[in-house]
ModelCIF file with pLDDT and N, C-alpha, C, O atoms, coordinates in Angstrom:
data_MODEL
#
_entry.id   MODEL 
#
_entity.id                         1 
_entity.type                       polymer 
_entity.pdbx_number_of_molecules   1 
#
_entity_poly.entity_id                      1 
_entity_poly.type                           'polypeptide(L)' 
_entity_poly.nstd_linkage                   no 
_entity_poly.nstd_monomer                   no 
_entity_poly.pdbx_seq_one_letter_code       DALLDSPGIAPLIAAHPRSLVVRAVRETVDAARANGGNAPADGWDAA 
_entity_poly.pdbx_seq_one_letter_code_can   DALLDSPGIAPLIAAHPRSLVVRAVRETVDAARANGGNAPADGWDAA 
_entity_poly.pdbx_strand_id                 A 
#
loop_
_entity_poly_seq.entity_id 
_entity_poly_seq.num 
_entity_poly_seq.mon_id 
_entity_poly_seq.hetero 
1 1  ASP n 
1 2  ALA n 
1 3  LEU n 
1 4  LEU n 
1 5  ASP n 
1 6  SER n 
1 7  PRO n 
1 8  GLY n 
1 9  ILE n 
1 10 ALA n 
1 11 PRO n 
1 12 LEU n 
1 13 ILE n 
1 14 ALA n 
1 15 ALA n 
1 16 HIS n 
1 17 PRO n 
1 18 ARG n 
1 19 SER n 
1 20 LEU n 
1 21 VAL n 
1 22 VAL n 
1 23 ARG n 
1 24 ALA n 
1 25 VAL n 
1 26 ARG n 
1 27 GLU n 
1 28 THR n 
1 29 VAL n 
1 30 ASP n 
1 31 ALA n 
1 32 ALA n 
1 33 ARG n 
1 34 ALA n 
1 35 ASN n 
1 36 GLY n 
1 37 GLY n 
1 38 ASN n 
1 39 ALA n 
1 40 PRO n 
1 41 ALA n 
1 42 ASP n 
1 43 GLY n 
1 44 TRP n 
1 45 ASP n 
1 46 ALA n 
1 47 ALA n 
#
_struct_asym.id          A 
_struct_asym.entity_id   1 
#
loop_
_ma_qa_metric.id 
_ma_qa_metric.mode 
_ma_qa_metric.name 
_ma_qa_metric.software_group_id 
_ma_qa_metric.type 
1 global pLDDT . pLDDT 
2 local  pLDDT . pLDDT 
#
_ma_qa_metric_global.metric_id      1 
_ma_qa_metric_global.metric_value   88.94 
_ma_qa_metric_global.model_id       1 
_ma_qa_metric_global.ordinal_id     1 
#
loop_
_ma_qa_metric_local.label_asym_id 
_ma_qa_metric_local.label_comp_id 
_ma_qa_metric_local.label_seq_id 
_ma_qa_metric_local.metric_id 
_ma_qa_metric_local.metric_value 
_ma_qa_metric_local.model_id 
_ma_qa_metric_local.ordinal_id 
A ASP 1  2 87.00 1 1  
A ALA 2  2 88.00 1 2  
A LEU 3  2 89.00 1 3  
A LEU 4  2 89.00 1 4  
A ASP 5  2 87.00 1 5  
A SER 6  2 89.00 1 6  
A PRO 7  2 88.00 1 7  
A GLY 8  2 87.00 1 8  
A ILE 9  2 87.00 1 9  
A ALA 10 2 84.00 1 10 
A PRO 11 2 88.00 1 11 
A LEU 12 2 90.00 1 12 
A ILE 13 2 88.00 1 13 
A ALA 14 2 87.00 1 14 
A ALA 15 2 90.00 1 15 
A HIS 16 2 92.00 1 16 
A PRO 17 2 93.00 1 17 
A ARG 18 2 92.00 1 18 
A SER 19 2 93.00 1 19 
A LEU 20 2 93.00 1 20 
A VAL 21 2 92.00 1 21 
A VAL 22 2 93.00 1 22 
A ARG 23 2 95.00 1 23 
A ALA 24 2 93.00 1 24 
A VAL 25 2 91.00 1 25 
A ARG 26 2 94.00 1 26 
A GLU 27 2 93.00 1 27 
A THR 28 2 91.00 1 28 
A VAL 29 2 90.00 1 29 
A ASP 30 2 91.00 1 30 
A ALA 31 2 90.00 1 31 
A ALA 32 2 88.00 1 32 
A ARG 33 2 90.00 1 33 
A ALA 34 2 88.00 1 34 
A ASN 35 2 85.00 1 35 
A GLY 36 2 84.00 1 36 
A GLY 37 2 80.00 1 37 
A ASN 38 2 85.00 1 38 
A ALA 39 2 83.00 1 39 
A PRO 40 2 87.00 1 40 
A ALA 41 2 85.00 1 41 
A ASP 42 2 84.00 1 42 
A GLY 43 2 88.00 1 43 
A TRP 44 2 89.00 1 44 
A ASP 45 2 89.00 1 45 
A ALA 46 2 90.00 1 46 
A ALA 47 2 91.00 1 47 
#
loop_
_atom_site.group_PDB 
_atom_site.id 
_atom_site.type_symbol 
_atom_site.label_atom_id 
_atom_site.label_alt_id 
_atom_site.label_comp_id 
_atom_site.label_asym_id 
_atom_site.label_entity_id 
_atom_site.label_seq_id 
_atom_site.pdbx_PDB_ins_code 
_atom_site.Cartn_x 
_atom_site.Cartn_y 
_atom_site.Cartn_z 
_atom_site.occupancy 
_atom_site.B_iso_or_equiv 
_atom_site.pdbx_formal_charge 
_atom_site.auth_seq_id 
_atom_site.auth_comp_id 
_atom_site.auth_asym_id 
_atom_site.auth_atom_id 
_atom_site.pdbx_PDB_model_num 
ATOM 1   N N  . ASP A 1 1  ? 0.828  -1.221  0.000   1.00 87.00 ? 1  ASP A N  1 
ATOM 2   C CA . ASP A 1 1  ? 0.000  0.000   0.000   1.00 87.00 ? 1  ASP A CA 1 
ATOM 3   C C  . ASP A 1 1  ? 0.853  1.257   0.000   1.00 87.00 ? 1  ASP A C  1 
ATOM 4   O O  . ASP A 1 1  ? 0.508  2.256   -0.632  1.00 87.00 ? 1  ASP A O  1 
ATOM 5   N N  . ALA A 1 2  ? 1.975  1.198   0.718   1.00 88.00 ? 2  ALA A N  1 
ATOM 6   C CA . ALA A 1 2  ? 2.858  2.368   0.770   1.00 88.00 ? 2  ALA A CA 1 
ATOM 7   C C  . ALA A 1 2  ? 3.440  2.668   -0.603  1.00 88.00 ? 2  ALA A C  1 
ATOM 8   O O  . ALA A 1 2  ? 3.530  3.829   -1.002  1.00 88.00 ? 2  ALA A O  1 
ATOM 9   N N  . LEU A 1 3  ? 3.834  1.633   -1.322  1.00 89.00 ? 3  LEU A N  1 
ATOM 10  C CA . LEU A 1 3  ? 4.369  1.849   -2.662  1.00 89.00 ? 3  LEU A CA 1 
ATOM 11  C C  . LEU A 1 3  ? 3.293  2.365   -3.614  1.00 89.00 ? 3  LEU A C  1 
ATOM 12  O O  . LEU A 1 3  ? 3.558  3.230   -4.449  1.00 89.00 ? 3  LEU A O  1 
ATOM 13  N N  . LEU A 1 4  ? 2.080  1.831   -3.483  1.00 89.00 ? 4  LEU A N  1 
ATOM 14  C CA . LEU A 1 4  ? 0.996  2.290   -4.351  1.00 89.00 ? 4  LEU A CA 1 
ATOM 15  C C  . LEU A 1 4  ? 0.677  3.759   -4.157  1.00 89.00 ? 4  LEU A C  1 
ATOM 16  O O  . LEU A 1 4  ? 0.243  4.431   -5.092  1.00 89.00 ? 4  LEU A O  1 
ATOM 17  N N  . ASP A 1 5  ? 0.887  4.255   -2.964  1.00 87.00 ? 5  ASP A N  1 
ATOM 18  C CA . ASP A 1 5  ? 0.595  5.657   -2.673  1.00 87.00 ? 5  ASP A CA 1 
ATOM 19  C C  . ASP A 1 5  ? 1.765  6.580   -2.959  1.00 87.00 ? 5  ASP A C  1 
ATOM 20  O O  . ASP A 1 5  ? 1.629  7.800   -2.860  1.00 87.00 ? 5  ASP A O  1 
ATOM 21  N N  . SER A 1 6  ? 2.925  6.010   -3.316  1.00 89.00 ? 6  SER A N  1 
ATOM 22  C CA . SER A 1 6  ? 4.108  6.844   -3.533  1.00 89.00 ? 6  SER A CA 1 
ATOM 23  C C  . SER A 1 6  ? 3.966  7.662   -4.816  1.00 89.00 ? 6  SER A C  1 
ATOM 24  O O  . SER A 1 6  ? 3.296  7.216   -5.748  1.00 89.00 ? 6  SER A O  1 
ATOM 25  N N  . PRO A 1 7  ? 4.574  8.838   -4.888  1.00 88.00 ? 7  PRO A N  1 
ATOM 26  C CA . PRO A 1 7  ? 4.426  9.720   -6.060  1.00 88.00 ? 7  PRO A CA 1 
ATOM 27  C C  . PRO A 1 7  ? 4.884  9.081   -7.364  1.00 88.00 ? 7  PRO A C  1 
ATOM 28  O O  . PRO A 1 7  ? 4.340  9.385   -8.426  1.00 88.00 ? 7  PRO A O  1 
ATOM 29  N N  . GLY A 1 8  ? 5.882  8.195   -7.297  1.00 87.00 ? 8  GLY A N  1 
ATOM 30  C CA . GLY A 1 8  ? 6.392  7.582   -8.527  1.00 87.00 ? 8  GLY A CA 1 
ATOM 31  C C  . GLY A 1 8  ? 5.500  6.491   -9.085  1.00 87.00 ? 8  GLY A C  1 
ATOM 32  O O  . GLY A 1 8  ? 5.572  6.173   -10.272 1.00 87.00 ? 8  GLY A O  1 
ATOM 33  N N  . ILE A 1 9  ? 4.657  5.912   -8.236  1.00 87.00 ? 9  ILE A N  1 
ATOM 34  C CA . ILE A 1 9  ? 3.813  4.792   -8.667  1.00 87.00 ? 9  ILE A CA 1 
ATOM 35  C C  . ILE A 1 9  ? 2.404  5.249   -9.033  1.00 87.00 ? 9  ILE A C  1 
ATOM 36  O O  . ILE A 1 9  ? 1.756  4.649   -9.891  1.00 87.00 ? 9  ILE A O  1 
ATOM 37  N N  . ALA A 1 10 ? 1.934  6.302   -8.386  1.00 84.00 ? 10 ALA A N  1 
ATOM 38  C CA . ALA A 1 10 ? 0.565  6.762   -8.613  1.00 84.00 ? 10 ALA A CA 1 
ATOM 39  C C  . ALA A 1 10 ? 0.241  7.002   -10.087 1.00 84.00 ? 10 ALA A C  1 
ATOM 40  O O  . ALA A 1 10 ? -0.859 6.652   -10.516 1.00 84.00 ? 10 ALA A O  1 
ATOM 41  N N  . PRO A 1 11 ? 1.149  7.584   -10.889 1.00 88.00 ? 11 PRO A N  1 
ATOM 42  C CA . PRO A 1 11 ? 0.818  7.792   -12.303 1.00 88.00 ? 11 PRO A CA 1 
ATOM 43  C C  . PRO A 1 11 ? 0.551  6.489   -13.061 1.00 88.00 ? 11 PRO A C  1 
ATOM 44  O O  . PRO A 1 11 ? -0.198 6.476   -14.038 1.00 88.00 ? 11 PRO A O  1 
ATOM 45  N N  . LEU A 1 12 ? 1.166  5.398   -12.605 1.00 90.00 ? 12 LEU A N  1 
ATOM 46  C CA . LEU A 1 12 ? 0.943  4.111   -13.274 1.00 90.00 ? 12 LEU A CA 1 
ATOM 47  C C  . LEU A 1 12 ? -0.504 3.660   -13.126 1.00 90.00 ? 12 LEU A C  1 
ATOM 48  O O  . LEU A 1 12 ? -1.071 3.042   -14.027 1.00 90.00 ? 12 LEU A O  1 
ATOM 49  N N  . ILE A 1 13 ? -1.097 3.982   -11.963 1.00 88.00 ? 13 ILE A N  1 
ATOM 50  C CA . ILE A 1 13 ? -2.482 3.584   -11.718 1.00 88.00 ? 13 ILE A CA 1 
ATOM 51  C C  . ILE A 1 13 ? -3.433 4.356   -12.630 1.00 88.00 ? 13 ILE A C  1 
ATOM 52  O O  . ILE A 1 13 ? -4.501 3.858   -12.986 1.00 88.00 ? 13 ILE A O  1 
ATOM 53  N N  . ALA A 1 14 ? -3.045 5.560   -13.001 1.00 87.00 ? 14 ALA A N  1 
ATOM 54  C CA . ALA A 1 14 ? -3.877 6.340   -13.912 1.00 87.00 ? 14 ALA A CA 1 
ATOM 55  C C  . ALA A 1 14 ? -3.809 5.804   -15.341 1.00 87.00 ? 14 ALA A C  1 
ATOM 56  O O  . ALA A 1 14 ? -4.740 5.988   -16.126 1.00 87.00 ? 14 ALA A O  1 
ATOM 57  N N  . ALA A 1 15 ? -2.690 5.134   -15.674 1.00 90.00 ? 15 ALA A N  1 
ATOM 58  C CA . ALA A 1 15 ? -2.499 4.665   -17.044 1.00 90.00 ? 15 ALA A CA 1 
ATOM 59  C C  . ALA A 1 15 ? -2.837 3.194   -17.238 1.00 90.00 ? 15 ALA A C  1 
ATOM 60  O O  . ALA A 1 15 ? -2.996 2.736   -18.370 1.00 90.00 ? 15 ALA A O  1 
ATOM 61  N N  . HIS A 1 16 ? -2.949 2.446   -16.131 1.00 92.00 ? 16 HIS A N  1 
ATOM 62  C CA . HIS A 1 16 ? -3.185 1.003   -16.221 1.00 92.00 ? 16 HIS A CA 1 
ATOM 63  C C  . HIS A 1 16 ? -4.249 0.581   -15.213 1.00 92.00 ? 16 HIS A C  1 
ATOM 64  O O  . HIS A 1 16 ? -4.512 1.300   -14.249 1.00 92.00 ? 16 HIS A O  1 
ATOM 65  N N  . PRO A 1 17 ? -4.856 -0.571  -15.430 1.00 93.00 ? 17 PRO A N  1 
ATOM 66  C CA . PRO A 1 17 ? -5.799 -1.071  -14.420 1.00 93.00 ? 17 PRO A CA 1 
ATOM 67  C C  . PRO A 1 17 ? -5.106 -1.214  -13.062 1.00 93.00 ? 17 PRO A C  1 
ATOM 68  O O  . PRO A 1 17 ? -3.962 -1.664  -12.987 1.00 93.00 ? 17 PRO A O  1 
ATOM 69  N N  . ARG A 1 18 ? -5.806 -0.828  -11.992 1.00 92.00 ? 18 ARG A N  1 
ATOM 70  C CA . ARG A 1 18 ? -5.207 -0.868  -10.662 1.00 92.00 ? 18 ARG A CA 1 
ATOM 71  C C  . ARG A 1 18 ? -4.754 -2.280  -10.307 1.00 92.00 ? 18 ARG A C  1 
ATOM 72  O O  . ARG A 1 18 ? -3.710 -2.456  -9.678  1.00 92.00 ? 18 ARG A O  1 
ATOM 73  N N  . SER A 1 19 ? -5.529 -3.285  -10.705 1.00 93.00 ? 19 SER A N  1 
ATOM 74  C CA . SER A 1 19 ? -5.160 -4.663  -10.361 1.00 93.00 ? 19 SER A CA 1 
ATOM 75  C C  . SER A 1 19 ? -3.820 -5.054  -10.958 1.00 93.00 ? 19 SER A C  1 
ATOM 76  O O  . SER A 1 19 ? -3.057 -5.803  -10.347 1.00 93.00 ? 19 SER A O  1 
ATOM 77  N N  . LEU A 1 20 ? -3.528 -4.544  -12.162 1.00 93.00 ? 20 LEU A N  1 
ATOM 78  C CA . LEU A 1 20 ? -2.253 -4.864  -12.797 1.00 93.00 ? 20 LEU A CA 1 
ATOM 79  C C  . LEU A 1 20 ? -1.096 -4.223  -12.044 1.00 93.00 ? 20 LEU A C  1 
ATOM 80  O O  . LEU A 1 20 ? -0.057 -4.850  -11.839 1.00 93.00 ? 20 LEU A O  1 
ATOM 81  N N  . VAL A 1 21 ? -1.282 -2.948  -11.624 1.00 92.00 ? 21 VAL A N  1 
ATOM 82  C CA . VAL A 1 21 ? -0.213 -2.257  -10.894 1.00 92.00 ? 21 VAL A CA 1 
ATOM 83  C C  . VAL A 1 21 ? 0.011  -2.913  -9.539  1.00 92.00 ? 21 VAL A C  1 
ATOM 84  O O  . VAL A 1 21 ? 1.151  -3.049  -9.097  1.00 92.00 ? 21 VAL A O  1 
ATOM 85  N N  . VAL A 1 22 ? -1.080 -3.324  -8.870  1.00 93.00 ? 22 VAL A N  1 
ATOM 86  C CA . VAL A 1 22 ? -0.945 -4.017  -7.590  1.00 93.00 ? 22 VAL A CA 1 
ATOM 87  C C  . VAL A 1 22 ? -0.130 -5.297  -7.760  1.00 93.00 ? 22 VAL A C  1 
ATOM 88  O O  . VAL A 1 22 ? 0.749  -5.593  -6.951  1.00 93.00 ? 22 VAL A O  1 
ATOM 89  N N  . ARG A 1 23 ? -0.422 -6.037  -8.796  1.00 95.00 ? 23 ARG A N  1 
ATOM 90  C CA . ARG A 1 23 ? 0.335  -7.263  -9.044  1.00 95.00 ? 23 ARG A CA 1 
ATOM 91  C C  . ARG A 1 23 ? 1.798  -6.961  -9.293  1.00 95.00 ? 23 ARG A C  1 
ATOM 92  O O  . ARG A 1 23 ? 2.676  -7.664  -8.793  1.00 95.00 ? 23 ARG A O  1 
ATOM 93  N N  . ALA A 1 24 ? 2.068  -5.910  -10.069 1.00 93.00 ? 24 ALA A N  1 
ATOM 94  C CA . ALA A 1 24 ? 3.456  -5.539  -10.361 1.00 93.00 ? 24 ALA A CA 1 
ATOM 95  C C  . ALA A 1 24 ? 4.201  -5.156  -9.089  1.00 93.00 ? 24 ALA A C  1 
ATOM 96  O O  . ALA A 1 24 ? 5.357  -5.537  -8.904  1.00 93.00 ? 24 ALA A O  1 
ATOM 97  N N  . VAL A 1 25 ? 3.541  -4.401  -8.211  1.00 91.00 ? 25 VAL A N  1 
ATOM 98  C CA . VAL A 1 25 ? 4.177  -3.999  -6.942  1.00 91.00 ? 25 VAL A CA 1 
ATOM 99  C C  . VAL A 1 25 ? 4.469  -5.233  -6.090  1.00 91.00 ? 25 VAL A C  1 
ATOM 100 O O  . VAL A 1 25 ? 5.563  -5.366  -5.542  1.00 91.00 ? 25 VAL A O  1 
ATOM 101 N N  . ARG A 1 26 ? 3.510  -6.118  -5.980  1.00 94.00 ? 26 ARG A N  1 
ATOM 102 C CA . ARG A 1 26 ? 3.714  -7.320  -5.173  1.00 94.00 ? 26 ARG A CA 1 
ATOM 103 C C  . ARG A 1 26 ? 4.852  -8.176  -5.716  1.00 94.00 ? 26 ARG A C  1 
ATOM 104 O O  . ARG A 1 26 ? 5.668  -8.689  -4.950  1.00 94.00 ? 26 ARG A O  1 
ATOM 105 N N  . GLU A 1 27 ? 4.907  -8.329  -7.026  1.00 93.00 ? 27 GLU A N  1 
ATOM 106 C CA . GLU A 1 27 ? 5.989  -9.117  -7.614  1.00 93.00 ? 27 GLU A CA 1 
ATOM 107 C C  . GLU A 1 27 ? 7.342  -8.468  -7.370  1.00 93.00 ? 27 GLU A C  1 
ATOM 108 O O  . GLU A 1 27 ? 8.335  -9.159  -7.144  1.00 93.00 ? 27 GLU A O  1 
ATOM 109 N N  . THR A 1 28 ? 7.384  -7.132  -7.415  1.00 91.00 ? 28 THR A N  1 
ATOM 110 C CA . THR A 1 28 ? 8.640  -6.429  -7.178  1.00 91.00 ? 28 THR A CA 1 
ATOM 111 C C  . THR A 1 28 ? 9.096  -6.604  -5.731  1.00 91.00 ? 28 THR A C  1 
ATOM 112 O O  . THR A 1 28 ? 10.276 -6.839  -5.469  1.00 91.00 ? 28 THR A O  1 
ATOM 113 N N  . VAL A 1 29 ? 8.161  -6.489  -4.799  1.00 90.00 ? 29 VAL A N  1 
ATOM 114 C CA . VAL A 1 29 ? 8.504  -6.683  -3.384  1.00 90.00 ? 29 VAL A CA 1 
ATOM 115 C C  . VAL A 1 29 ? 8.921  -8.131  -3.136  1.00 90.00 ? 29 VAL A C  1 
ATOM 116 O O  . VAL A 1 29 ? 9.883  -8.386  -2.411  1.00 90.00 ? 29 VAL A O  1 
ATOM 117 N N  . ASP A 1 30 ? 8.208  -9.069  -3.730  1.00 91.00 ? 30 ASP A N  1 
ATOM 118 C CA . ASP A 1 30 ? 8.560  -10.479 -3.571  1.00 91.00 ? 30 ASP A CA 1 
ATOM 119 C C  . ASP A 1 30 ? 9.954  -10.772 -4.126  1.00 91.00 ? 30 ASP A C  1 
ATOM 120 O O  . ASP A 1 30 ? 10.702 -11.560 -3.547  1.00 91.00 ? 30 ASP A O  1 
ATOM 121 N N  . ALA A 1 31 ? 10.300 -10.142 -5.238  1.00 90.00 ? 31 ALA A N  1 
ATOM 122 C CA . ALA A 1 31 ? 11.631 -10.339 -5.823  1.00 90.00 ? 31 ALA A CA 1 
ATOM 123 C C  . ALA A 1 31 ? 12.711 -9.796  -4.894  1.00 90.00 ? 31 ALA A C  1 
ATOM 124 O O  . ALA A 1 31 ? 13.767 -10.406 -4.731  1.00 90.00 ? 31 ALA A O  1 
ATOM 125 N N  . ALA A 1 32 ? 12.435 -8.642  -4.287  1.00 88.00 ? 32 ALA A N  1 
ATOM 126 C CA . ALA A 1 32 ? 13.401 -8.077  -3.342  1.00 88.00 ? 32 ALA A CA 1 
ATOM 127 C C  . ALA A 1 32 ? 13.548 -8.975  -2.115  1.00 88.00 ? 32 ALA A C  1 
ATOM 128 O O  . ALA A 1 32 ? 14.651 -9.159  -1.601  1.00 88.00 ? 32 ALA A O  1 
ATOM 129 N N  . ARG A 1 33 ? 12.429 -9.532  -1.652  1.00 90.00 ? 33 ARG A N  1 
ATOM 130 C CA . ARG A 1 33 ? 12.470 -10.438 -0.504  1.00 90.00 ? 33 ARG A CA 1 
ATOM 131 C C  . ARG A 1 33 ? 13.310 -11.677 -0.828  1.00 90.00 ? 33 ARG A C  1 
ATOM 132 O O  . ARG A 1 33 ? 14.100 -12.132 -0.001  1.00 90.00 ? 33 ARG A O  1 
ATOM 133 N N  . ALA A 1 34 ? 13.135 -12.212 -2.026  1.00 88.00 ? 34 ALA A N  1 
ATOM 134 C CA . ALA A 1 34 ? 13.915 -13.381 -2.446  1.00 88.00 ? 34 ALA A CA 1 
ATOM 135 C C  . ALA A 1 34 ? 15.389 -13.044 -2.599  1.00 88.00 ? 34 ALA A C  1 
ATOM 136 O O  . ALA A 1 34 ? 16.246 -13.925 -2.542  1.00 88.00 ? 34 ALA A O  1 
ATOM 137 N N  . ASN A 1 35 ? 15.677 -11.764 -2.794  1.00 85.00 ? 35 ASN A N  1 
ATOM 138 C CA . ASN A 1 35 ? 17.061 -11.309 -2.939  1.00 85.00 ? 35 ASN A CA 1 
ATOM 139 C C  . ASN A 1 35 ? 17.673 -10.888 -1.605  1.00 85.00 ? 35 ASN A C  1 
ATOM 140 O O  . ASN A 1 35 ? 18.621 -10.104 -1.562  1.00 85.00 ? 35 ASN A O  1 
ATOM 141 N N  . GLY A 1 36 ? 17.122 -11.416 -0.530  1.00 84.00 ? 36 GLY A N  1 
ATOM 142 C CA . GLY A 1 36 ? 17.677 -11.134 0.797   1.00 84.00 ? 36 GLY A CA 1 
ATOM 143 C C  . GLY A 1 36 ? 17.220 -9.824  1.391   1.00 84.00 ? 36 GLY A C  1 
ATOM 144 O O  . GLY A 1 36 ? 17.792 -9.364  2.380   1.00 84.00 ? 36 GLY A O  1 
ATOM 145 N N  . GLY A 1 37 ? 16.185 -9.199  0.803   1.00 80.00 ? 37 GLY A N  1 
ATOM 146 C CA . GLY A 1 37 ? 15.678 -7.943  1.331   1.00 80.00 ? 37 GLY A CA 1 
ATOM 147 C C  . GLY A 1 37 ? 16.328 -6.723  0.726   1.00 80.00 ? 37 GLY A C  1 
ATOM 148 O O  . GLY A 1 37 ? 16.083 -5.602  1.171   1.00 80.00 ? 37 GLY A O  1 
ATOM 149 N N  . ASN A 1 38 ? 17.170 -6.927  -0.301  1.00 85.00 ? 38 ASN A N  1 
ATOM 150 C CA . ASN A 1 38 ? 17.837 -5.795  -0.942  1.00 85.00 ? 38 ASN A CA 1 
ATOM 151 C C  . ASN A 1 38 ? 16.888 -5.087  -1.902  1.00 85.00 ? 38 ASN A C  1 
ATOM 152 O O  . ASN A 1 38 ? 16.209 -5.727  -2.704  1.00 85.00 ? 38 ASN A O  1 
ATOM 153 N N  . ALA A 1 39 ? 16.850 -3.774  -1.812  1.00 83.00 ? 39 ALA A N  1 
ATOM 154 C CA . ALA A 1 39 ? 16.002 -2.988  -2.703  1.00 83.00 ? 39 ALA A CA 1 
ATOM 155 C C  . ALA A 1 39 ? 16.542 -3.059  -4.124  1.00 83.00 ? 39 ALA A C  1 
ATOM 156 O O  . ALA A 1 39 ? 17.738 -3.283  -4.312  1.00 83.00 ? 39 ALA A O  1 
ATOM 157 N N  . PRO A 1 40 ? 15.682 -2.871  -5.138  1.00 87.00 ? 40 PRO A N  1 
ATOM 158 C CA . PRO A 1 40 ? 16.157 -2.867  -6.521  1.00 87.00 ? 40 PRO A CA 1 
ATOM 159 C C  . PRO A 1 40 ? 17.276 -1.853  -6.714  1.00 87.00 ? 40 PRO A C  1 
ATOM 160 O O  . PRO A 1 40 ? 17.237 -0.764  -6.142  1.00 87.00 ? 40 PRO A O  1 
ATOM 161 N N  . ALA A 1 41 ? 18.267 -2.208  -7.512  1.00 85.00 ? 41 ALA A N  1 
ATOM 162 C CA . ALA A 1 41 ? 19.446 -1.361  -7.686  1.00 85.00 ? 41 ALA A CA 1 
ATOM 163 C C  . ALA A 1 41 ? 19.091 0.019   -8.234  1.00 85.00 ? 41 ALA A C  1 
ATOM 164 O O  . ALA A 1 41 ? 19.726 1.010   -7.873  1.00 85.00 ? 41 ALA A O  1 
ATOM 165 N N  . ASP A 1 42 ? 18.085 0.092   -9.101  1.00 84.00 ? 42 ASP A N  1 
ATOM 166 C CA . ASP A 1 42 ? 17.714 1.380   -9.690  1.00 84.00 ? 42 ASP A CA 1 
ATOM 167 C C  . ASP A 1 42 ? 16.491 1.995   -9.033  1.00 84.00 ? 42 ASP A C  1 
ATOM 168 O O  . ASP A 1 42 ? 15.898 2.921   -9.586  1.00 84.00 ? 42 ASP A O  1 
ATOM 169 N N  . GLY A 1 43 ? 16.106 1.505   -7.875  1.00 88.00 ? 43 GLY A N  1 
ATOM 170 C CA . GLY A 1 43 ? 15.004 2.094   -7.129  1.00 88.00 ? 43 GLY A CA 1 
ATOM 171 C C  . GLY A 1 43 ? 13.684 1.384   -7.356  1.00 88.00 ? 43 GLY A C  1 
ATOM 172 O O  . GLY A 1 43 ? 13.497 0.673   -8.343  1.00 88.00 ? 43 GLY A O  1 
ATOM 173 N N  . TRP A 1 44 ? 12.765 1.597   -6.407  1.00 89.00 ? 44 TRP A N  1 
ATOM 174 C CA . TRP A 1 44 ? 11.460 0.933   -6.449  1.00 89.00 ? 44 TRP A CA 1 
ATOM 175 C C  . TRP A 1 44 ? 10.617 1.387   -7.631  1.00 89.00 ? 44 TRP A C  1 
ATOM 176 O O  . TRP A 1 44 ? 9.964  0.570   -8.281  1.00 89.00 ? 44 TRP A O  1 
ATOM 177 N N  . ASP A 1 45 ? 10.629 2.696   -7.913  1.00 89.00 ? 45 ASP A N  1 
ATOM 178 C CA . ASP A 1 45 ? 9.784  3.208   -8.993  1.00 89.00 ? 45 ASP A CA 1 
ATOM 179 C C  . ASP A 1 45 ? 10.155 2.574   -10.328 1.00 89.00 ? 45 ASP A C  1 
ATOM 180 O O  . ASP A 1 45 ? 9.275  2.127   -11.064 1.00 89.00 ? 45 ASP A O  1 
ATOM 181 N N  . ALA A 1 46 ? 11.449 2.528   -10.652 1.00 90.00 ? 46 ALA A N  1 
ATOM 182 C CA . ALA A 1 46 ? 11.890 1.969   -11.935 1.00 90.00 ? 46 ALA A CA 1 
ATOM 183 C C  . ALA A 1 46 ? 11.577 0.476   -12.010 1.00 90.00 ? 46 ALA A C  1 
ATOM 184 O O  . ALA A 1 46 ? 11.161 -0.027  -13.053 1.00 90.00 ? 46 ALA A O  1 
ATOM 185 N N  . ALA A 1 47 ? 11.782 -0.226  -10.895 1.00 91.00 ? 47 ALA A N  1 
ATOM 186 C CA . ALA A 1 47 ? 11.526 -1.670  -10.885 1.00 91.00 ? 47 ALA A CA 1 
ATOM 187 C C  . ALA A 1 47 ? 10.044 -1.971  -11.094 1.00 91.00 ? 47 ALA A C  1 
ATOM 188 O O  . ALA A 1 47 ? 9.647  -3.136  -11.113 1.00 91.00 ? 47 ALA A O  1 
#
């Protein structure tokens, strides 16, 4: 929810179905979790 409300992610919700963006955020967080908790190298918004 925090990522969905962030300024970098909000525009994506305007351009795509919310369910798709939610799935993308969850997959990104899950990938970071599988990587030992390390954030994406180029930042959450880009990922």
